[in-house]
Amino acid sequence: MPQRNNGIAYSYVRFSSKRQELGDSLRRQTEMAEEYAIKNGLKLSSKNFQDLGISAFREGKRASLVDMLAAIEEGQITAGSTIIIEALDRLSRRGIDATLETVKEILRKDVQVVSLSDGLLLTKNSLNDLQSVIRIAVAADLAHKESERKAIRLRETKGQQRQAALSGKPINKILPFWLQRTETGYAFSDKAGVARQIVQLKQEGKGSNMIAKALNKLGIAGVRTAQWNHASITKMLKNPALYGAYQTGETTKDRELIKLELVEAYYPALISKEEWLLLQSDQSKSKRGRRSADNPYSGLLRCECGGALVKRKHTVKEKLYVYHGCLNAKDGRCTQNISIKGLDGALTTILGRLEFKKKQTLDQSIHQERQQLEARINDLNSKLQVLDDIPLSVIKSIGTMESRLKEITEQIAKDEREQRGIEAVKSEKLSSITDGLELNLLLKRVLKSITVIRSGNGWAVKVLHLSGHKQNFLMVDGEIKFLSDTIALQNLLAGFREATENN
């Protein structure tokens, strides 16, 4: 015997793909719920629940389903109400057990469930009705098996696409915004200029937030949203498609992406691989953005003991005092417990005196070694594919060469970063930059450390460049009193030698 309802109905809509949202799924499910409510004399509540673009088979996080179940549990959706769904698979496609548990959770609170395509009206009494339980189980089992079949077909399709990509053939997939599909492959889209602008801003030391603000200020529309945000900028800069590579992968049932083969030279390259590696280096150095925004020397300032010098603030009688102290001194690992006052002002002066010496032409032999290693590894891998019995020594050799290749690639990236960093920094007047994060990124392109050491009644400040160049300053009461410079000294000695030889 059906239980009495209170005349109020709620709809729950779910679909799993963006294509369904752009298509008919949302409209169809909404209209079906409205028609059922009118036909059965129910008032469809304005409070409805939608999980759009979320799979019930993969059990993605479905916020609206959770909200609906919580509303039922807390009595906000009262006993006698009706939940209208298109089919039971809207609740779950994880099989009989998962579906039954969700249905039970609803029915036990005297809330009815109407499954339109299954022709089911489920009430609390249905839990003890064998026919209803069987129909729920059959519907859940069919939905689960259909989802499994779809998942298998999708994996097979993805696998075929991966093989096609490995052979260099264009595939049907969502492309980065700076690329478009052509009859023969891929080409740059009309958005490529925006992508180049983003890369240039990053190479100049701008963080993702600063880049997004700059684009929005210029009125440049986002890719899928009206404006840019730091997340879309960061995602773009991490994409190997920037240098023409396509990262193949496979998604597990838990929605975890497993990276597989990386197909080099698959897309038109916007930048070189070396430039892309430099961007990744900058990304890793800007992860502590908030700290760097307040302290532009974060990650660079060091005490003589090797510990980090941290910036501290203290207010006495409404007057703010700013000073630096060794982090190790807090737990007794450093004896330097004197507060360093006036360091910010002194560092601003130092920035105006920093000199950057560009390295000589990079050693081309390391590039040649990388090319030779890549060719050798590719040759051995090709031979392994046709061998039935693979010698262990060959596998070990490949492993050794790959390790060396990684070292070389990292060294090249480091050298390129230093070169590009110097060029970027030389174009800026560092002491005039007011954005802490931007200044921090620029400094980390050229400096290895800034070490502060107690010296008499003042402080010795040693600036070590990534190039090996050193500059030393003496700070007393927040003012720079003395400067020594390895480059200046070398020039002085060279001039002295020249004068001696001429005499």
Protein backbone atom coordinates (compact mmCIF):
# COMPACT_ATOMS: atom_id res chain seq x y z
CA MET A 1 0.00 0.00 0.00
CA PRO A 2 1.61 3.28 -1.10
CA GLN A 3 2.27 5.73 1.69
CA ARG A 4 0.60 9.15 1.74
CA ASN A 5 2.72 11.92 0.25
CA ASN A 6 2.76 15.55 1.34
CA GLY A 7 2.43 16.94 -2.18
CA ILE A 8 5.99 18.33 -2.40
CA ALA A 9 8.47 16.99 -4.97
CA TYR A 10 12.18 17.56 -5.59
CA SER A 11 14.11 16.67 -8.72
CA TYR A 12 17.62 15.27 -8.88
CA VAL A 13 19.43 15.66 -12.20
CA ARG A 14 22.81 14.13 -13.03
CA PHE A 15 24.76 13.57 -16.20
CA SER A 16 28.38 12.70 -16.74
CA SER A 17 29.74 14.66 -19.69
CA LYS A 18 30.04 18.21 -20.97
CA ARG A 19 28.58 16.99 -24.26
CA GLN A 20 25.36 16.02 -22.46
CA GLU A 21 25.16 19.49 -20.87
CA LEU A 22 25.53 21.16 -24.25
CA GLY A 23 23.02 18.70 -25.65
CA ASP A 24 19.64 17.56 -24.37
CA SER A 25 20.21 15.81 -21.04
CA LEU A 26 19.59 18.71 -18.63
CA ARG A 27 16.47 19.94 -20.46
CA ARG A 28 15.07 16.40 -20.84
CA GLN A 29 15.49 15.42 -17.20
CA THR A 30 14.08 18.74 -15.98
CA GLU A 31 11.03 18.60 -18.24
CA MET A 32 10.29 14.97 -17.31
CA ALA A 33 10.26 15.92 -13.61
CA GLU A 34 7.97 18.89 -14.27
CA GLU A 35 5.52 16.78 -16.32
CA TYR A 36 5.37 14.06 -13.64
CA ALA A 37 4.72 16.64 -10.90
CA ILE A 38 1.86 18.25 -12.85
CA LYS A 39 0.29 14.90 -13.80
CA ASN A 40 0.35 13.65 -10.20
CA GLY A 41 -0.71 16.86 -8.47
CA LEU A 42 2.68 17.56 -6.90
CA LYS A 43 4.29 20.93 -6.32
CA LEU A 44 7.84 20.86 -7.67
CA SER A 45 10.06 22.66 -5.17
CA SER A 46 12.32 25.47 -6.37
CA LYS A 47 15.05 23.74 -4.35
CA ASN A 48 16.30 21.11 -6.76
CA PHE A 49 19.57 19.19 -6.96
CA GLN A 50 21.94 18.94 -9.93
CA ASP A 51 25.29 17.20 -10.37
CA LEU A 52 26.36 18.23 -13.85
CA GLY A 53 29.20 16.55 -15.69
CA ILE A 54 29.82 13.96 -12.94
CA SER A 55 29.91 10.21 -13.48
CA ALA A 56 27.96 7.97 -11.10
CA PHE A 57 30.06 5.01 -12.26
CA ARG A 58 33.39 6.55 -11.29
CA GLU A 59 31.80 7.92 -8.13
CA GLY A 60 33.10 11.42 -8.62
CA LYS A 61 32.33 13.86 -5.83
CA ARG A 62 28.61 14.63 -6.19
CA ALA A 63 27.99 17.63 -3.97
CA SER A 64 24.27 17.94 -4.77
CA LEU A 65 23.53 14.27 -4.03
CA VAL A 66 25.33 14.66 -0.70
CA ASP A 67 23.34 17.84 -0.01
CA MET A 68 20.06 16.10 -0.88
CA LEU A 69 20.77 13.11 1.37
CA ALA A 70 21.80 15.49 4.18
CA ALA A 71 18.58 17.49 3.72
CA ILE A 72 16.58 14.25 4.02
CA GLU A 73 18.55 13.14 7.08
CA GLU A 74 18.11 16.52 8.81
CA GLY A 75 14.41 16.74 7.99
CA GLN A 76 14.67 19.72 5.65
CA ILE A 77 13.12 17.44 3.05
CA THR A 78 10.25 16.17 5.17
CA ALA A 79 8.63 12.73 5.34
CA GLY A 80 6.10 12.24 2.58
CA SER A 81 8.11 14.23 0.02
CA THR A 82 8.93 12.76 -3.38
CA ILE A 83 12.31 12.63 -5.10
CA ILE A 84 11.94 12.51 -8.89
CA ILE A 85 14.76 11.01 -10.97
CA GLU A 86 14.95 9.97 -14.60
CA ALA A 87 16.31 6.52 -13.73
CA LEU A 88 17.89 4.73 -10.79
CA ASP A 89 21.29 5.01 -12.46
CA ARG A 90 21.13 8.77 -11.72
CA LEU A 91 21.81 7.81 -8.07
CA SER A 92 24.62 5.35 -8.73
CA ARG A 93 26.10 3.12 -11.40
CA ARG A 94 28.40 1.27 -9.02
CA GLY A 95 26.23 -1.83 -8.92
CA ILE A 96 23.46 -3.37 -6.85
CA ASP A 97 24.91 -2.80 -3.38
CA ALA A 98 25.73 0.91 -3.83
CA THR A 99 22.37 1.67 -5.45
CA LEU A 100 20.37 -0.21 -2.81
CA GLU A 101 22.18 1.59 0.01
CA THR A 102 21.40 5.01 -1.47
CA VAL A 103 17.74 4.09 -2.07
CA LYS A 104 17.42 2.66 1.46
CA GLU A 105 18.92 5.84 2.93
CA ILE A 106 16.12 7.84 1.29
CA LEU A 107 13.18 5.47 1.84
CA ARG A 108 13.90 4.89 5.54
CA LYS A 109 13.10 8.58 6.13
CA ASP A 110 9.64 8.09 4.58
CA VAL A 111 10.66 9.98 1.45
CA GLN A 112 9.42 8.48 -1.81
CA VAL A 113 11.52 7.89 -4.92
CA VAL A 114 10.06 7.99 -8.42
CA SER A 115 12.19 6.50 -11.20
CA LEU A 116 10.48 7.65 -14.40
CA SER A 117 12.11 5.49 -17.07
CA ASP A 118 12.05 2.40 -14.82
CA GLY A 119 8.36 2.97 -14.01
CA LEU A 120 9.05 2.66 -10.29
CA LEU A 121 7.35 4.37 -7.35
CA LEU A 122 9.34 3.38 -4.28
CA THR A 123 8.17 3.97 -0.71
CA LYS A 124 9.34 2.82 2.70
CA ASN A 125 7.13 -0.27 2.23
CA SER A 126 9.12 -1.19 -0.91
CA LEU A 127 12.06 -2.23 1.27
CA ASN A 128 10.08 -5.31 2.34
CA ASP A 129 8.53 -5.94 -1.07
CA LEU A 130 10.49 -8.65 -2.92
CA GLN A 131 9.28 -7.55 -6.35
CA SER A 132 10.39 -3.94 -5.75
CA VAL A 133 13.78 -5.02 -4.38
CA ILE A 134 14.32 -7.29 -7.40
CA ARG A 135 13.40 -4.48 -9.82
CA ILE A 136 15.84 -2.13 -8.07
CA ALA A 137 18.55 -4.79 -8.22
CA VAL A 138 17.94 -5.56 -11.90
CA ALA A 139 17.94 -1.87 -12.86
CA ALA A 140 21.13 -1.26 -10.85
CA ASP A 141 22.87 -4.31 -12.33
CA LEU A 142 21.98 -3.33 -15.90
CA ALA A 143 23.19 0.24 -15.35
CA HIS A 144 26.45 -0.97 -13.81
CA LYS A 145 27.17 -3.41 -16.63
CA GLU A 146 26.35 -0.79 -19.26
CA SER A 147 28.77 1.63 -17.59
CA GLU A 148 31.46 -1.05 -17.51
CA ARG A 149 30.96 -1.69 -21.22
CA LYS A 150 31.19 2.04 -21.94
CA ALA A 151 34.33 2.32 -19.81
CA ILE A 152 35.94 -0.59 -21.66
CA ARG A 153 35.06 0.90 -25.04
CA LEU A 154 36.40 4.27 -23.92
CA ARG A 155 39.68 2.72 -22.73
CA GLU A 156 39.98 0.87 -26.04
CA THR A 157 39.35 4.10 -27.95
CA LYS A 158 41.88 5.96 -25.80
CA GLY A 159 44.37 3.14 -26.38
CA GLN A 160 43.87 3.36 -30.13
CA GLN A 161 44.28 7.12 -29.98
CA ARG A 162 47.47 6.70 -27.97
CA GLN A 163 48.91 4.32 -30.55
CA ALA A 164 47.93 6.71 -33.33
CA ALA A 165 49.62 9.58 -31.50
CA LEU A 166 52.77 7.51 -30.97
CA SER A 167 52.95 7.01 -34.73
CA GLY A 168 52.55 10.75 -35.27
CA LYS A 169 48.96 10.71 -36.53
CA PRO A 170 46.54 13.49 -35.45
CA ILE A 171 43.76 12.34 -33.11
CA ASN A 172 40.38 13.70 -32.09
CA LYS A 173 40.88 15.31 -28.69
CA ILE A 174 40.48 18.63 -26.89
CA LEU A 175 43.43 20.80 -27.84
CA PRO A 176 45.28 23.49 -25.88
CA PHE A 177 43.79 26.89 -26.70
CA TRP A 178 46.77 28.01 -28.79
CA LEU A 179 46.35 25.07 -31.21
CA GLN A 180 43.74 24.08 -33.77
CA ARG A 181 43.15 21.04 -35.95
CA THR A 182 43.76 21.17 -39.71
CA GLU A 183 43.15 18.68 -42.50
CA THR A 184 46.69 17.36 -42.20
CA GLY A 185 47.43 17.83 -38.51
CA TYR A 186 47.70 20.78 -36.14
CA ALA A 187 48.47 24.48 -36.44
CA PHE A 188 48.52 27.55 -34.22
CA SER A 189 45.11 29.09 -33.52
CA ASP A 190 44.29 32.79 -33.36
CA LYS A 191 44.94 32.56 -29.58
CA ALA A 192 48.62 31.67 -30.04
CA GLY A 193 49.60 35.30 -29.53
CA VAL A 194 48.01 35.26 -26.07
CA ALA A 195 49.94 32.10 -25.19
CA ARG A 196 53.20 33.74 -26.29
CA GLN A 197 52.36 36.79 -24.18
CA ILE A 198 51.81 34.59 -21.11
CA VAL A 199 55.14 32.83 -21.66
CA GLN A 200 56.94 36.15 -22.09
CA LEU A 201 55.45 37.54 -18.88
CA LYS A 202 56.53 34.40 -17.02
CA GLN A 203 60.05 34.66 -18.44
CA GLU A 204 60.15 38.23 -17.15
CA GLY A 205 59.56 36.90 -13.65
CA LYS A 206 55.83 37.47 -13.29
CA GLY A 207 53.83 35.00 -11.17
CA SER A 208 50.58 33.39 -12.31
CA ASN A 209 48.48 35.88 -10.34
CA MET A 210 50.32 38.85 -11.83
CA ILE A 211 49.96 37.43 -15.35
CA ALA A 212 46.23 36.88 -14.90
CA LYS A 213 45.80 40.44 -13.61
CA ALA A 214 47.77 41.84 -16.54
CA LEU A 215 45.66 39.96 -19.11
CA ASN A 216 42.41 40.95 -17.43
CA LYS A 217 43.52 44.59 -17.27
CA LEU A 218 44.18 44.49 -21.02
CA GLY A 219 40.68 43.08 -21.57
CA ILE A 220 41.93 39.79 -23.02
CA ALA A 221 39.19 37.19 -22.58
CA GLY A 222 39.94 33.86 -20.90
CA VAL A 223 39.77 30.54 -22.71
CA ARG A 224 36.60 29.10 -21.21
CA THR A 225 35.74 31.91 -18.81
CA ALA A 226 35.33 35.66 -19.18
CA GLN A 227 38.53 36.37 -17.25
CA TRP A 228 41.86 34.71 -16.55
CA ASN A 229 42.81 33.25 -13.16
CA HIS A 230 46.04 31.94 -11.69
CA ALA A 231 44.94 28.29 -12.03
CA SER A 232 44.45 28.49 -15.81
CA ILE A 233 47.81 30.26 -16.21
CA THR A 234 49.63 27.66 -14.09
CA LYS A 235 47.98 24.78 -15.95
CA MET A 236 48.98 26.22 -19.30
CA LEU A 237 52.61 26.79 -18.30
CA LYS A 238 52.91 23.17 -17.09
CA ASN A 239 51.61 21.76 -20.38
CA PRO A 240 54.41 20.10 -22.43
CA ALA A 241 52.39 20.94 -25.55
CA LEU A 242 54.08 24.34 -25.31
CA TYR A 243 57.23 22.77 -26.75
CA GLY A 244 55.26 20.44 -29.03
CA ALA A 245 54.99 17.30 -26.88
CA TYR A 246 51.79 15.31 -26.27
CA GLN A 247 51.48 13.60 -22.88
CA THR A 248 49.48 10.40 -23.26
CA GLY A 249 47.75 8.96 -20.21
CA GLU A 250 45.10 6.70 -18.81
CA THR A 251 42.44 7.49 -16.22
CA THR A 252 41.75 4.88 -13.54
CA LYS A 253 38.35 4.11 -12.02
CA ASP A 254 39.35 6.35 -9.13
CA ARG A 255 39.75 9.21 -11.63
CA GLU A 256 43.51 9.28 -11.16
CA LEU A 257 45.46 10.19 -14.29
CA ILE A 258 48.41 7.91 -14.95
CA LYS A 259 50.95 9.47 -17.31
CA LEU A 260 52.20 7.13 -20.01
CA GLU A 261 54.31 7.90 -23.09
CA LEU A 262 55.38 11.44 -23.92
CA VAL A 263 55.24 11.97 -27.70
CA GLU A 264 57.87 14.53 -28.68
CA ALA A 265 57.46 16.87 -31.70
CA TYR A 266 53.75 16.03 -31.99
CA TYR A 267 52.36 19.59 -32.06
CA PRO A 268 53.82 22.81 -33.49
CA ALA A 269 56.19 24.11 -30.80
CA LEU A 270 55.48 27.52 -29.31
CA ILE A 271 58.79 27.50 -27.39
CA SER A 272 61.81 25.21 -27.15
CA LYS A 273 62.05 22.36 -24.66
CA GLU A 274 64.83 24.19 -22.84
CA GLU A 275 62.62 27.26 -22.44
CA TRP A 276 59.81 25.05 -21.13
CA LEU A 277 62.14 23.48 -18.57
CA LEU A 278 63.09 26.96 -17.41
CA LEU A 279 59.42 27.76 -16.88
CA GLN A 280 59.05 24.65 -14.70
CA SER A 281 62.04 25.76 -12.65
CA ASP A 282 60.42 29.15 -12.10
CA GLN A 283 57.11 27.49 -11.18
CA SER A 284 58.75 25.41 -8.46
CA LYS A 285 60.44 28.49 -7.02
CA SER A 286 57.22 30.48 -6.78
CA LYS A 287 55.16 27.94 -4.84
CA ARG A 288 55.51 29.91 -1.61
CA GLY A 289 53.93 32.97 -3.16
CA ARG A 290 52.36 34.48 -0.06
CA ARG A 291 55.59 34.40 1.88
CA SER A 292 57.51 35.88 -1.06
CA ALA A 293 54.93 38.64 -1.50
CA ASP A 294 55.64 39.86 2.04
CA ASN A 295 59.37 39.10 1.93
CA PRO A 296 60.89 39.40 -1.57
CA TYR A 297 64.14 37.84 -0.28
CA SER A 298 62.43 34.65 0.88
CA GLY A 299 64.53 31.59 0.07
CA LEU A 300 67.66 33.71 -0.44
CA LEU A 301 68.49 35.24 2.96
CA ARG A 302 70.79 33.08 5.06
CA CYS A 303 72.52 33.32 8.43
CA GLU A 304 76.20 32.39 8.79
CA CYS A 305 75.09 29.05 10.26
CA GLY A 306 73.17 28.24 7.08
CA GLY A 307 69.74 28.74 8.59
CA ALA A 308 67.11 30.92 6.96
CA LEU A 309 66.77 34.54 8.01
CA VAL A 310 63.09 35.25 8.56
CA LYS A 311 61.32 38.57 8.67
CA ARG A 312 59.52 39.44 11.90
CA LYS A 313 57.30 42.32 12.95
CA HIS A 314 56.65 43.66 16.42
CA THR A 315 54.43 46.53 17.57
CA VAL A 316 55.26 48.58 20.69
CA LYS A 317 52.99 51.48 21.64
CA GLU A 318 51.44 51.44 18.18
CA LYS A 319 54.86 51.70 16.52
CA LEU A 320 55.79 48.90 14.11
CA TYR A 321 59.31 47.44 14.27
CA VAL A 322 60.58 45.21 11.46
CA TYR A 323 63.67 43.04 11.86
CA HIS A 324 65.21 39.76 10.73
CA GLY A 325 66.36 36.81 12.81
CA CYS A 326 67.88 33.37 12.31
CA LEU A 327 65.32 30.57 12.31
CA ASN A 328 67.83 28.16 13.86
CA ALA A 329 68.36 30.47 16.86
CA LYS A 330 64.80 29.82 18.03
CA ASP A 331 65.61 26.23 18.97
CA GLY A 332 69.23 26.75 20.02
CA ARG A 333 70.90 25.59 16.81
CA CYS A 334 72.52 28.99 16.25
CA THR A 335 74.18 31.40 18.69
CA GLN A 336 73.35 34.44 16.55
CA ASN A 337 70.31 35.68 18.44
CA ILE A 338 70.75 39.41 17.78
CA SER A 339 67.97 40.96 15.73
CA ILE A 340 69.10 42.44 12.41
CA LYS A 341 67.48 45.85 12.01
CA GLY A 342 67.37 47.97 8.87
CA LEU A 343 68.11 45.05 6.56
CA ASP A 344 65.24 45.82 4.17
CA GLY A 345 66.51 49.35 3.52
CA ALA A 346 70.09 48.14 3.07
CA LEU A 347 68.98 45.44 0.65
CA THR A 348 67.13 48.05 -1.42
CA THR A 349 70.42 49.95 -1.70
CA ILE A 350 72.24 46.74 -2.57
CA LEU A 351 69.78 45.98 -5.36
CA GLY A 352 70.82 49.20 -7.08
CA ARG A 353 74.47 48.09 -6.94
CA LEU A 354 74.08 44.51 -8.11
CA GLU A 355 76.08 43.73 -11.24
CA PHE A 356 75.41 40.80 -13.49
CA LYS A 357 78.14 39.13 -15.47
CA LYS A 358 76.93 37.08 -18.39
CA LYS A 359 78.68 33.76 -18.83
CA GLN A 360 80.77 33.07 -21.88
CA THR A 361 79.17 31.08 -24.70
CA LEU A 362 77.72 27.90 -23.28
CA ASP A 363 79.74 24.73 -23.70
CA GLN A 364 78.36 23.14 -26.86
CA SER A 365 79.92 19.76 -26.05
CA ILE A 366 77.21 19.10 -23.47
CA HIS A 367 74.55 19.64 -26.15
CA GLN A 368 76.40 17.25 -28.45
CA GLU A 369 76.60 14.65 -25.68
CA ARG A 370 72.86 14.95 -25.11
CA GLN A 371 72.13 14.41 -28.81
CA GLN A 372 74.42 11.38 -28.89
CA LEU A 373 72.79 9.87 -25.80
CA GLU A 374 69.28 10.41 -27.17
CA ALA A 375 70.23 8.77 -30.47
CA ARG A 376 71.90 5.83 -28.69
CA ILE A 377 68.93 5.27 -26.36
CA ASN A 378 66.46 5.42 -29.25
CA ASP A 379 68.59 2.97 -31.24
CA LEU A 380 68.76 0.46 -28.37
CA ASN A 381 65.03 0.78 -27.66
CA SER A 382 64.27 0.05 -31.32
CA LYS A 383 66.44 -3.06 -31.21
CA LEU A 384 64.81 -4.26 -27.99
CA GLN A 385 61.42 -4.29 -29.69
CA VAL A 386 62.50 -7.05 -32.10
CA LEU A 387 64.47 -9.16 -29.61
CA ASP A 388 62.85 -12.18 -27.97
CA ASP A 389 65.56 -12.60 -25.35
CA ILE A 390 66.59 -9.18 -23.99
CA PRO A 391 70.07 -9.11 -22.38
CA LEU A 392 70.07 -7.64 -18.87
CA SER A 393 73.28 -5.74 -19.65
CA VAL A 394 71.52 -3.79 -22.40
CA ILE A 395 68.70 -2.77 -20.05
CA LYS A 396 71.26 -1.63 -17.46
CA SER A 397 73.13 0.35 -20.12
CA ILE A 398 69.95 2.12 -21.16
CA GLY A 399 69.23 2.94 -17.51
CA THR A 400 72.72 4.39 -17.04
CA MET A 401 72.44 6.47 -20.20
CA GLU A 402 68.99 7.74 -19.24
CA SER A 403 70.34 8.85 -15.84
CA ARG A 404 73.19 10.70 -17.53
CA LEU A 405 70.75 12.23 -20.03
CA LYS A 406 68.64 13.53 -17.16
CA GLU A 407 71.72 15.11 -15.52
CA ILE A 408 72.74 16.79 -18.77
CA THR A 409 69.24 18.08 -19.46
CA GLU A 410 69.04 19.56 -15.96
CA GLN A 411 72.47 21.19 -16.38
CA ILE A 412 71.51 22.70 -19.73
CA ALA A 413 68.27 23.97 -18.21
CA LYS A 414 70.23 25.49 -15.31
CA ASP A 415 72.68 27.23 -17.64
CA GLU A 416 69.90 28.50 -19.88
CA ARG A 417 68.00 29.71 -16.85
CA GLU A 418 70.98 31.70 -15.65
CA GLN A 419 71.51 33.24 -19.08
CA ARG A 420 67.86 34.15 -19.56
CA GLY A 421 67.59 35.26 -15.94
CA ILE A 422 70.43 37.73 -16.33
CA GLU A 423 68.89 39.17 -19.49
CA ALA A 424 65.50 39.54 -17.76
CA VAL A 425 66.97 41.13 -14.64
CA LYS A 426 69.23 43.51 -16.56
CA SER A 427 66.16 44.95 -18.26
CA GLU A 428 64.60 45.83 -14.88
CA LYS A 429 65.52 48.40 -12.26
CA LEU A 430 65.27 46.02 -9.32
CA SER A 431 65.09 48.67 -6.62
CA SER A 432 61.97 50.14 -8.27
CA ILE A 433 59.93 46.90 -8.28
CA THR A 434 57.22 47.10 -5.62
CA ASP A 435 55.63 43.68 -6.07
CA GLY A 436 57.37 41.31 -3.66
CA LEU A 437 56.63 38.09 -5.54
CA GLU A 438 57.80 39.51 -8.87
CA LEU A 439 61.05 40.73 -7.29
CA ASN A 440 61.57 37.38 -5.57
CA LEU A 441 61.24 35.48 -8.86
CA LEU A 442 63.64 37.83 -10.64
CA LEU A 443 66.25 37.61 -7.89
CA LYS A 444 66.09 33.81 -7.84
CA ARG A 445 66.95 33.82 -11.53
CA VAL A 446 70.39 35.27 -10.80
CA LEU A 447 71.21 34.90 -7.11
CA LYS A 448 72.04 31.78 -5.13
CA SER A 449 72.07 33.30 -1.65
CA ILE A 450 72.37 36.46 0.45
CA THR A 451 74.26 35.64 3.65
CA VAL A 452 74.34 38.04 6.62
CA ILE A 453 77.21 37.68 9.13
CA ARG A 454 77.91 39.63 12.34
CA SER A 455 80.98 41.84 11.86
CA GLY A 456 82.03 44.14 14.72
CA ASN A 457 79.21 46.60 15.32
CA GLY A 458 77.72 45.93 11.88
CA TRP A 459 76.82 43.15 9.48
CA ALA A 460 78.64 41.71 6.48
CA VAL A 461 76.25 40.96 3.63
CA LYS A 462 77.59 38.45 1.08
CA VAL A 463 75.71 38.14 -2.21
CA LEU A 464 76.51 34.98 -4.19
CA HIS A 465 75.35 34.91 -7.81
CA LEU A 466 74.44 31.68 -9.59
CA SER A 467 77.26 32.46 -12.01
CA GLY A 468 79.78 32.30 -9.14
CA HIS A 469 80.25 36.08 -9.06
CA LYS A 470 80.38 37.50 -5.51
CA GLN A 471 79.60 40.91 -4.06
CA ASN A 472 80.21 41.83 -0.41
CA PHE A 473 78.72 44.73 1.54
CA LEU A 474 79.21 46.07 5.06
CA MET A 475 76.07 47.34 6.76
CA VAL A 476 76.16 49.53 9.88
CA ASP A 477 72.93 50.87 11.38
CA GLY A 478 71.06 49.97 8.22
CA GLU A 479 73.46 51.85 5.92
CA ILE A 480 75.95 50.40 3.40
CA LYS A 481 79.48 51.49 4.36
CA PHE A 482 81.71 49.31 2.19
CA LEU A 483 81.50 47.32 -1.04
CA SER A 484 83.82 44.68 -2.50
CA ASP A 485 83.15 43.12 -5.86
CA THR A 486 84.94 40.18 -7.51
CA ILE A 487 84.34 41.57 -10.99
CA ALA A 488 85.49 45.05 -10.02
CA LEU A 489 88.56 43.52 -8.37
CA GLN A 490 89.31 41.42 -11.48
CA ASN A 491 89.05 44.52 -13.67
CA LEU A 492 91.35 46.42 -11.30
CA LEU A 493 93.95 43.62 -11.33
CA ALA A 494 93.71 43.32 -15.11
CA GLY A 495 94.33 47.05 -15.45
CA PHE A 496 97.27 46.83 -13.04
CA ARG A 497 98.82 43.94 -15.03
CA GLU A 498 98.34 45.83 -18.29
CA ALA A 499 100.01 48.91 -16.85
CA THR A 500 102.92 46.81 -15.52
CA GLU A 501 103.43 45.06 -18.87
CA ASN A 502 103.40 48.38 -20.74
CA ASN A 503 106.11 49.67 -18.44
